[in-house]
């Protein structure tokens, strides 16, 4: 039972990391657009 809970928590952490990566990549794309407009 405790082992199952641990696996569920690590799975949640993976989803959090994926969400952060998606957010970061979209933020980088936004920066690229801003740079292209001004330079």
PDB file of N, CA and C in Angstrom:
ATOM      1  N   UNK A   1       0.822  -1.233   0.000  1.00  0.00           N
ATOM      2  CA  UNK A   1       0.000   0.000   0.000  1.00  0.00           C
ATOM      3  C   UNK A   1       0.863   1.295   0.000  1.00  0.00           C
ATOM      4  N   UNK A   2       1.848   1.418   0.872  1.00  0.00           N
ATOM      5  CA  UNK A   2       2.678   2.635   0.845  1.00  0.00           C
ATOM      6  C   UNK A   2       3.455   2.785  -0.470  1.00  0.00           C
ATOM      7  N   UNK A   3       3.838   1.645  -1.065  1.00  0.00           N
ATOM      8  CA  UNK A   3       4.582   1.645  -2.324  1.00  0.00           C
ATOM      9  C   UNK A   3       3.743   2.236  -3.458  1.00  0.00           C
ATOM     10  N   UNK A   4       2.463   1.903  -3.472  1.00  0.00           N
ATOM     11  CA  UNK A   4       1.543   2.422  -4.487  1.00  0.00           C
ATOM     12  C   UNK A   4       1.400   3.952  -4.360  1.00  0.00           C
ATOM     13  N   UNK A   5       1.332   4.429  -3.140  1.00  0.00           N
ATOM     14  CA  UNK A   5       1.209   5.862  -2.887  1.00  0.00           C
ATOM     15  C   UNK A   5       2.458   6.613  -3.371  1.00  0.00           C
ATOM     16  N   UNK A   6       3.613   6.005  -3.151  1.00  0.00           N
ATOM     17  CA  UNK A   6       4.876   6.609  -3.576  1.00  0.00           C
ATOM     18  C   UNK A   6       4.937   6.735  -5.102  1.00  0.00           C
ATOM     19  N   UNK A   7       4.479   5.684  -5.786  1.00  0.00           N
ATOM     20  CA  UNK A   7       4.484   5.693  -7.256  1.00  0.00           C
ATOM     21  C   UNK A   7       3.542   6.785  -7.787  1.00  0.00           C
ATOM     22  N   UNK A   8       2.411   6.941  -7.136  1.00  0.00           N
ATOM     23  CA  UNK A   8       1.442   7.956  -7.543  1.00  0.00           C
ATOM     24  C   UNK A   8       2.037   9.360  -7.382  1.00  0.00           C
ATOM     25  N   UNK A   9       2.799   9.563  -6.313  1.00  0.00           N
ATOM     26  CA  UNK A   9       3.414  10.860  -6.052  1.00  0.00           C
ATOM     27  C   UNK A   9       4.478  11.184  -7.100  1.00  0.00           C
ATOM     28  N   UNK A  10       5.296  10.191  -7.447  1.00  0.00           N
ATOM     29  CA  UNK A  10       6.338  10.401  -8.456  1.00  0.00           C
ATOM     30  C   UNK A  10       5.706  10.685  -9.823  1.00  0.00           C
ATOM     31  N   UNK A  11       4.580  10.033 -10.099  1.00  0.00           N
ATOM     32  CA  UNK A  11       3.854  10.274 -11.350  1.00  0.00           C
ATOM     33  C   UNK A  11       3.342  11.719 -11.406  1.00  0.00           C
ATOM     34  N   UNK A  12       2.893  12.232 -10.279  1.00  0.00           N
ATOM     35  CA  UNK A  12       2.434  13.617 -10.174  1.00  0.00           C
ATOM     36  C   UNK A  12       3.597  14.578 -10.420  1.00  0.00           C
ATOM     37  N   UNK A  13       4.773  14.251  -9.874  1.00  0.00           N
ATOM     38  CA  UNK A  13       5.969  15.067 -10.079  1.00  0.00           C
ATOM     39  C   UNK A  13       6.353  15.122 -11.551  1.00  0.00           C
ATOM     40  N   UNK A  14       6.242  13.983 -12.239  1.00  0.00           N
ATOM     41  CA  UNK A  14       6.546  13.923 -13.676  1.00  0.00           C
ATOM     42  C   UNK A  14       5.594  14.836 -14.457  1.00  0.00           C
ATOM     43  N   UNK A  15       4.319  14.801 -14.127  1.00  0.00           N
ATOM     44  CA  UNK A  15       3.331  15.664 -14.786  1.00  0.00           C
ATOM     45  C   UNK A  15       3.641  17.137 -14.535  1.00  0.00           C
ATOM     46  N   UNK A  16       4.107  17.459 -13.333  1.00  0.00           N
ATOM     47  CA  UNK A  16       4.467  18.828 -12.969  1.00  0.00           C
ATOM     48  C   UNK A  16       5.662  19.297 -13.788  1.00  0.00           C
ATOM     49  N   UNK A  17       6.657  18.429 -13.940  1.00  0.00           N
ATOM     50  CA  UNK A  17       7.853  18.736 -14.742  1.00  0.00           C
ATOM     51  C   UNK A  17       7.472  18.965 -16.204  1.00  0.00           C
ATOM     52  N   UNK A  18       6.606  18.102 -16.746  1.00  0.00           N
ATOM     53  CA  UNK A  18       6.143  18.242 -18.133  1.00  0.00           C
ATOM     54  C   UNK A  18       5.415  19.579 -18.315  1.00  0.00           C
ATOM     55  N   UNK A  19       4.572  19.934 -17.369  1.00  0.00           N
ATOM     56  CA  UNK A  19       3.842  21.201 -17.428  1.00  0.00           C
ATOM     57  C   UNK A  19       4.802  22.391 -17.410  1.00  0.00           C
ATOM     58  N   UNK A  20       5.853  22.313 -16.581  1.00  0.00           N
ATOM     59  CA  UNK A  20       6.857  23.376 -16.505  1.00  0.00           C
ATOM     60  C   UNK A  20       7.630  23.502 -17.807  1.00  0.00           C
ATOM     61  N   UNK A  21       7.969  22.365 -18.417  1.00  0.00           N
ATOM     62  CA  UNK A  21       8.706  22.359 -19.691  1.00  0.00           C
ATOM     63  C   UNK A  21       7.865  22.993 -20.803  1.00  0.00           C
ATOM     64  N   UNK A  22       6.578  22.659 -20.845  1.00  0.00           N
ATOM     65  CA  UNK A  22       5.667  23.236 -21.846  1.00  0.00           C
ATOM     66  C   UNK A  22       5.555  24.750 -21.646  1.00  0.00           C
ATOM     67  N   UNK A  23       5.428  25.168 -20.397  1.00  0.00           N
ATOM     68  CA  UNK A  23       5.330  26.584 -20.059  1.00  0.00           C
ATOM     69  C   UNK A  23       6.608  27.314 -20.453  1.00  0.00           C
ATOM     70  N   UNK A  24       7.756  26.704 -20.164  1.00  0.00           N
ATOM     71  CA  UNK A  24       9.057  27.291 -20.483  1.00  0.00           C
ATOM     72  C   UNK A  24       9.252  27.416 -21.991  1.00  0.00           C
ATOM     73  N   UNK A  25       8.884  26.390 -22.735  1.00  0.00           N
ATOM     74  CA  UNK A  25       9.054  26.415 -24.195  1.00  0.00           C
ATOM     75  C   UNK A  25       8.154  27.473 -24.836  1.00  0.00           C
ATOM     76  N   UNK A  26       6.939  27.632 -24.328  1.00  0.00           N
ATOM     77  CA  UNK A  26       6.032  28.657 -24.850  1.00  0.00           C
ATOM     78  C   UNK A  26       6.537  30.058 -24.501  1.00  0.00           C
ATOM     79  N   UNK A  27       7.166  30.185 -23.323  1.00  0.00           N
ATOM     80  CA  UNK A  27       7.762  31.450 -22.888  1.00  0.00           C
ATOM     81  C   UNK A  27       8.948  31.814 -23.781  1.00  0.00           C
ATOM     82  N   UNK A  28       9.769  30.818 -24.131  1.00  0.00           N
ATOM     83  CA  UNK A  28      10.909  31.015 -25.034  1.00  0.00           C
ATOM     84  C   UNK A  28      10.421  31.447 -26.418  1.00  0.00           C
ATOM     85  N   UNK A  29       9.353  30.830 -26.899  1.00  0.00           N
ATOM     86  CA  UNK A  29       8.769  31.213 -28.191  1.00  0.00           C
ATOM     87  C   UNK A  29       8.293  32.671 -28.166  1.00  0.00           C
ATOM     88  N   UNK A  30       7.710  33.077 -27.063  1.00  0.00           N
ATOM     89  CA  UNK A  30       7.234  34.448 -26.896  1.00  0.00           C
ATOM     90  C   UNK A  30       8.404  35.428 -26.937  1.00  0.00           C
ATOM     91  N   UNK A  31       9.508  35.100 -26.266  1.00  0.00           N
ATOM     92  CA  UNK A  31      10.723  35.923 -26.264  1.00  0.00           C
ATOM     93  C   UNK A  31      11.282  36.048 -27.684  1.00  0.00           C
ATOM     94  N   UNK A  32      11.297  34.935 -28.427  1.00  0.00           N
ATOM     95  CA  UNK A  32      11.789  34.952 -29.817  1.00  0.00           C
ATOM     96  C   UNK A  32      10.960  35.895 -30.682  1.00  0.00           C
ATOM     97  N   UNK A  33       9.652  35.887 -30.511  1.00  0.00           N
ATOM     98  CA  UNK A  33       8.747  36.767 -31.264  1.00  0.00           C
ATOM     99  C   UNK A  33       9.036  38.235 -30.930  1.00  0.00           C
ATOM    100  N   UNK A  34       9.222  38.529 -29.656  1.00  0.00           N
ATOM    101  CA  UNK A  34       9.525  39.896 -29.211  1.00  0.00           C
ATOM    102  C   UNK A  34      10.857  40.365 -29.793  1.00  0.00           C
ATOM    103  N   UNK A  35      11.874  39.503 -29.759  1.00  0.00           N
ATOM    104  CA  UNK A  35      13.198  39.826 -30.317  1.00  0.00           C
ATOM    105  C   UNK A  35      13.099  40.090 -31.824  1.00  0.00           C
ATOM    106  N   UNK A  36      12.336  39.271 -32.534  1.00  0.00           N
ATOM    107  CA  UNK A  36      12.171  39.449 -33.980  1.00  0.00           C
ATOM    108  C   UNK A  36      11.469  40.773 -34.314  1.00  0.00           C
ATOM    109  N   UNK A  37      10.551  41.203 -33.474  1.00  0.00           N
ATOM    110  CA  UNK A  37       9.839  42.460 -33.714  1.00  0.00           C
ATOM    111  C   UNK A  37      10.739  43.675 -33.494  1.00  0.00           C
ATOM    112  N   UNK A  38      11.624  43.607 -32.504  1.00  0.00           N
ATOM    113  CA  UNK A  38      12.444  44.763 -32.152  1.00  0.00           C
ATOM    114  C   UNK A  38      13.806  44.803 -32.827  1.00  0.00           C
ATOM    115  N   UNK A  39      14.272  43.661 -33.371  1.00  0.00           N
ATOM    116  CA  UNK A  39      15.617  43.641 -33.978  1.00  0.00           C
ATOM    117  C   UNK A  39      15.585  43.224 -35.437  1.00  0.00           C
TER     118      UNK A  39
END
